[in-house]
Amino acid sequence: MQDIESQIEHVLERVRPALRMDGGGIELVKYDPDTGAVYVRMQGACVGCPMSQITLKMGIEAALQEVISEITEVIPVENEHEPPS
């Protein structure tokens, strides 16, 4: 079985084309196996877009949870901050 980060990347690859159509993108920053949280960095037009939070929760989080039962939430990380430790 693939490790969870590989599975996350696989799901993100499926949603990236839709984000690119609107000039955006998404990058996996970190998966925390202790909490089940996935940290992502929104890119391009997604940064600061009011719809990105809806896309993140209803689109990306739902897609990840559908495939990977261990995922509890998806948390955006701001570009200017370091990845969470």
N, C-alpha and C. Protein backbone atom coordinates (compact mmCIF):
# COMPACT_ATOMS: atom_id res chain seq x y z
N MET A 1 0.84 -1.20 0.00
CA MET A 1 0.00 0.00 0.00
C MET A 1 0.88 1.25 0.00
N GLN A 2 0.41 2.26 -0.71
CA GLN A 2 1.17 3.51 -0.77
C GLN A 2 1.17 4.18 0.59
N ASP A 3 2.22 4.96 0.84
CA ASP A 3 2.18 5.74 2.07
C ASP A 3 1.17 6.87 1.90
N ILE A 4 0.73 7.42 3.00
CA ILE A 4 -0.36 8.39 2.97
C ILE A 4 0.03 9.65 2.19
N GLU A 5 1.27 10.11 2.32
CA GLU A 5 1.66 11.31 1.57
C GLU A 5 1.58 11.07 0.06
N SER A 6 1.94 9.89 -0.39
CA SER A 6 1.80 9.56 -1.82
C SER A 6 0.34 9.55 -2.23
N GLN A 7 -0.52 9.02 -1.38
CA GLN A 7 -1.96 9.02 -1.67
C GLN A 7 -2.50 10.45 -1.72
N ILE A 8 -2.03 11.31 -0.80
CA ILE A 8 -2.46 12.71 -0.80
C ILE A 8 -2.05 13.37 -2.11
N GLU A 9 -0.80 13.17 -2.52
CA GLU A 9 -0.31 13.76 -3.78
C GLU A 9 -1.15 13.28 -4.96
N HIS A 10 -1.52 12.01 -4.95
CA HIS A 10 -2.34 11.45 -6.03
C HIS A 10 -3.69 12.17 -6.11
N VAL A 11 -4.33 12.40 -4.96
CA VAL A 11 -5.61 13.12 -4.93
C VAL A 11 -5.40 14.57 -5.38
N LEU A 12 -4.35 15.22 -4.91
CA LEU A 12 -4.09 16.61 -5.30
C LEU A 12 -3.85 16.72 -6.80
N GLU A 13 -3.21 15.72 -7.40
CA GLU A 13 -3.01 15.73 -8.85
C GLU A 13 -4.35 15.73 -9.59
N ARG A 14 -5.35 15.10 -9.01
CA ARG A 14 -6.68 15.08 -9.65
C ARG A 14 -7.39 16.43 -9.56
N VAL A 15 -7.12 17.22 -8.51
CA VAL A 15 -7.80 18.51 -8.37
C VAL A 15 -7.00 19.68 -8.97
N ARG A 16 -5.73 19.49 -9.19
CA ARG A 16 -4.89 20.58 -9.71
C ARG A 16 -5.36 21.14 -11.05
N PRO A 17 -5.80 20.31 -12.02
CA PRO A 17 -6.24 20.90 -13.29
C PRO A 17 -7.37 21.92 -13.13
N ALA A 18 -8.30 21.66 -12.23
CA ALA A 18 -9.40 22.61 -11.99
C ALA A 18 -8.87 23.91 -11.39
N LEU A 19 -7.92 23.79 -10.48
CA LEU A 19 -7.33 24.99 -9.89
C LEU A 19 -6.54 25.78 -10.93
N ARG A 20 -5.81 25.08 -11.80
CA ARG A 20 -5.02 25.75 -12.84
C ARG A 20 -5.91 26.51 -13.81
N MET A 21 -7.11 26.00 -14.07
CA MET A 21 -8.03 26.68 -14.99
C MET A 21 -8.37 28.08 -14.48
N ASP A 22 -8.33 28.27 -13.18
CA ASP A 22 -8.60 29.57 -12.58
C ASP A 22 -7.32 30.30 -12.18
N GLY A 23 -6.18 29.81 -12.63
CA GLY A 23 -4.91 30.48 -12.36
C GLY A 23 -4.31 30.17 -11.00
N GLY A 24 -4.78 29.08 -10.37
CA GLY A 24 -4.29 28.76 -9.03
C GLY A 24 -3.55 27.44 -8.99
N GLY A 25 -3.25 27.03 -7.78
CA GLY A 25 -2.58 25.76 -7.56
C GLY A 25 -2.57 25.42 -6.09
N ILE A 26 -2.02 24.25 -5.79
CA ILE A 26 -1.94 23.79 -4.40
C ILE A 26 -0.70 22.93 -4.24
N GLU A 27 -0.06 23.07 -3.09
CA GLU A 27 1.16 22.33 -2.79
C GLU A 27 0.98 21.64 -1.43
N LEU A 28 1.34 20.38 -1.35
CA LEU A 28 1.35 19.67 -0.08
C LEU A 28 2.54 20.16 0.72
N VAL A 29 2.29 20.64 1.93
CA VAL A 29 3.36 21.09 2.82
C VAL A 29 3.74 19.97 3.77
N LYS A 30 2.72 19.35 4.39
CA LYS A 30 3.00 18.35 5.41
C LYS A 30 1.74 17.57 5.73
N TYR A 31 1.91 16.30 6.06
CA TYR A 31 0.84 15.49 6.63
C TYR A 31 1.25 15.14 8.05
N ASP A 32 0.35 15.38 9.01
CA ASP A 32 0.64 15.06 10.41
C ASP A 32 -0.11 13.79 10.78
N PRO A 33 0.58 12.65 10.87
CA PRO A 33 -0.10 11.38 11.17
C PRO A 33 -0.71 11.34 12.57
N ASP A 34 -0.22 12.17 13.48
CA ASP A 34 -0.76 12.16 14.84
C ASP A 34 -2.16 12.78 14.91
N THR A 35 -2.40 13.80 14.08
CA THR A 35 -3.70 14.49 14.11
C THR A 35 -4.55 14.19 12.88
N GLY A 36 -3.93 13.68 11.82
CA GLY A 36 -4.64 13.44 10.56
C GLY A 36 -4.80 14.70 9.73
N ALA A 37 -4.12 15.78 10.13
CA ALA A 37 -4.23 17.05 9.42
C ALA A 37 -3.28 17.08 8.22
N VAL A 38 -3.78 17.66 7.13
CA VAL A 38 -2.98 17.87 5.94
C VAL A 38 -2.78 19.38 5.80
N TYR A 39 -1.53 19.80 5.73
CA TYR A 39 -1.20 21.22 5.57
C TYR A 39 -0.86 21.46 4.11
N VAL A 40 -1.52 22.46 3.51
CA VAL A 40 -1.30 22.77 2.11
C VAL A 40 -1.04 24.26 1.95
N ARG A 41 -0.39 24.60 0.86
CA ARG A 41 -0.14 26.00 0.51
C ARG A 41 -0.85 26.27 -0.80
N MET A 42 -1.80 27.21 -0.76
CA MET A 42 -2.49 27.62 -1.98
C MET A 42 -1.54 28.50 -2.78
N GLN A 43 -1.67 28.45 -4.12
CA GLN A 43 -0.74 29.15 -4.99
C GLN A 43 -1.50 29.97 -6.03
N GLY A 44 -0.79 30.92 -6.62
CA GLY A 44 -1.34 31.70 -7.72
C GLY A 44 -2.59 32.46 -7.33
N ALA A 45 -3.60 32.40 -8.20
CA ALA A 45 -4.84 33.14 -7.98
C ALA A 45 -5.60 32.65 -6.76
N CYS A 46 -5.28 31.47 -6.26
CA CYS A 46 -5.97 30.95 -5.06
C CYS A 46 -5.57 31.70 -3.79
N VAL A 47 -4.39 32.33 -3.81
CA VAL A 47 -3.92 33.06 -2.63
C VAL A 47 -4.79 34.31 -2.48
N GLY A 48 -5.47 34.39 -1.36
CA GLY A 48 -6.31 35.56 -1.08
C GLY A 48 -7.68 35.54 -1.74
N CYS A 49 -7.97 34.53 -2.52
CA CYS A 49 -9.28 34.43 -3.17
C CYS A 49 -10.32 34.04 -2.13
N PRO A 50 -11.45 34.77 -2.07
CA PRO A 50 -12.47 34.44 -1.08
C PRO A 50 -13.06 33.04 -1.27
N MET A 51 -13.04 32.52 -2.47
CA MET A 51 -13.59 31.19 -2.75
C MET A 51 -12.62 30.07 -2.38
N SER A 52 -11.37 30.40 -2.12
CA SER A 52 -10.38 29.34 -1.86
C SER A 52 -10.71 28.55 -0.59
N GLN A 53 -11.30 29.19 0.41
CA GLN A 53 -11.65 28.45 1.64
C GLN A 53 -12.74 27.43 1.35
N ILE A 54 -13.71 27.80 0.52
CA ILE A 54 -14.77 26.85 0.13
C ILE A 54 -14.18 25.72 -0.70
N THR A 55 -13.32 26.08 -1.65
CA THR A 55 -12.65 25.07 -2.47
C THR A 55 -11.85 24.12 -1.59
N LEU A 56 -11.16 24.69 -0.61
CA LEU A 56 -10.32 23.89 0.27
C LEU A 56 -11.15 22.90 1.08
N LYS A 57 -12.22 23.37 1.71
CA LYS A 57 -13.01 22.52 2.61
C LYS A 57 -13.97 21.60 1.86
N MET A 58 -14.72 22.13 0.93
CA MET A 58 -15.75 21.34 0.26
C MET A 58 -15.21 20.54 -0.92
N GLY A 59 -14.10 20.97 -1.48
CA GLY A 59 -13.53 20.27 -2.62
C GLY A 59 -12.36 19.40 -2.24
N ILE A 60 -11.28 20.03 -1.83
CA ILE A 60 -10.04 19.31 -1.58
C ILE A 60 -10.14 18.42 -0.34
N GLU A 61 -10.63 18.97 0.76
CA GLU A 61 -10.75 18.18 1.98
C GLU A 61 -11.69 16.99 1.77
N ALA A 62 -12.82 17.23 1.12
CA ALA A 62 -13.78 16.15 0.86
C ALA A 62 -13.17 15.08 -0.03
N ALA A 63 -12.43 15.48 -1.07
CA ALA A 63 -11.80 14.52 -1.97
C ALA A 63 -10.77 13.68 -1.23
N LEU A 64 -9.98 14.31 -0.37
CA LEU A 64 -8.98 13.58 0.39
C LEU A 64 -9.63 12.61 1.37
N GLN A 65 -10.66 13.06 2.08
CA GLN A 65 -11.32 12.20 3.07
C GLN A 65 -12.04 11.03 2.42
N GLU A 66 -12.49 11.22 1.19
CA GLU A 66 -13.18 10.14 0.47
C GLU A 66 -12.22 8.99 0.17
N VAL A 67 -10.96 9.33 -0.09
CA VAL A 67 -9.97 8.33 -0.47
C VAL A 67 -9.15 7.83 0.73
N ILE A 68 -8.88 8.74 1.67
CA ILE A 68 -7.98 8.43 2.78
C ILE A 68 -8.72 8.68 4.10
N SER A 69 -9.12 7.61 4.76
CA SER A 69 -9.94 7.75 5.97
C SER A 69 -9.20 8.41 7.13
N GLU A 70 -7.89 8.39 7.10
CA GLU A 70 -7.11 8.97 8.20
C GLU A 70 -7.12 10.50 8.22
N ILE A 71 -7.50 11.12 7.10
CA ILE A 71 -7.49 12.59 7.00
C ILE A 71 -8.63 13.17 7.84
N THR A 72 -8.29 14.08 8.75
CA THR A 72 -9.30 14.72 9.58
C THR A 72 -9.65 16.12 9.11
N GLU A 73 -8.65 16.84 8.56
CA GLU A 73 -8.88 18.20 8.08
C GLU A 73 -7.75 18.63 7.17
N VAL A 74 -8.02 19.69 6.40
CA VAL A 74 -7.00 20.29 5.55
C VAL A 74 -6.83 21.73 6.04
N ILE A 75 -5.59 22.10 6.30
CA ILE A 75 -5.28 23.41 6.87
C ILE A 75 -4.37 24.19 5.91
N PRO A 76 -4.80 25.39 5.52
CA PRO A 76 -3.94 26.19 4.64
C PRO A 76 -2.80 26.83 5.42
N VAL A 77 -1.63 26.89 4.79
CA VAL A 77 -0.45 27.53 5.35
C VAL A 77 -0.16 28.75 4.48
N GLU A 78 0.02 29.89 5.10
CA GLU A 78 0.29 31.11 4.33
C GLU A 78 1.66 31.05 3.68
N ASN A 79 1.81 31.64 2.51
CA ASN A 79 3.07 31.62 1.77
C ASN A 79 4.24 32.19 2.54
N GLU A 80 3.99 33.27 3.28
CA GLU A 80 5.10 33.93 3.94
C GLU A 80 5.57 33.24 5.22
N HIS A 81 4.82 32.26 5.69
CA HIS A 81 5.20 31.56 6.92
C HIS A 81 5.93 30.26 6.61
N GLU A 82 6.70 29.84 7.57
CA GLU A 82 7.38 28.55 7.46
C GLU A 82 6.35 27.42 7.59
N PRO A 83 6.63 26.27 7.01
CA PRO A 83 5.74 25.12 7.22
C PRO A 83 5.62 24.81 8.71
N PRO A 84 4.48 24.27 9.13
CA PRO A 84 4.32 23.95 10.55
C PRO A 84 5.32 22.89 10.99
N SER A 85 5.70 22.95 12.24
CA SER A 85 6.67 21.96 12.74
C SER A 85 5.96 20.78 13.37
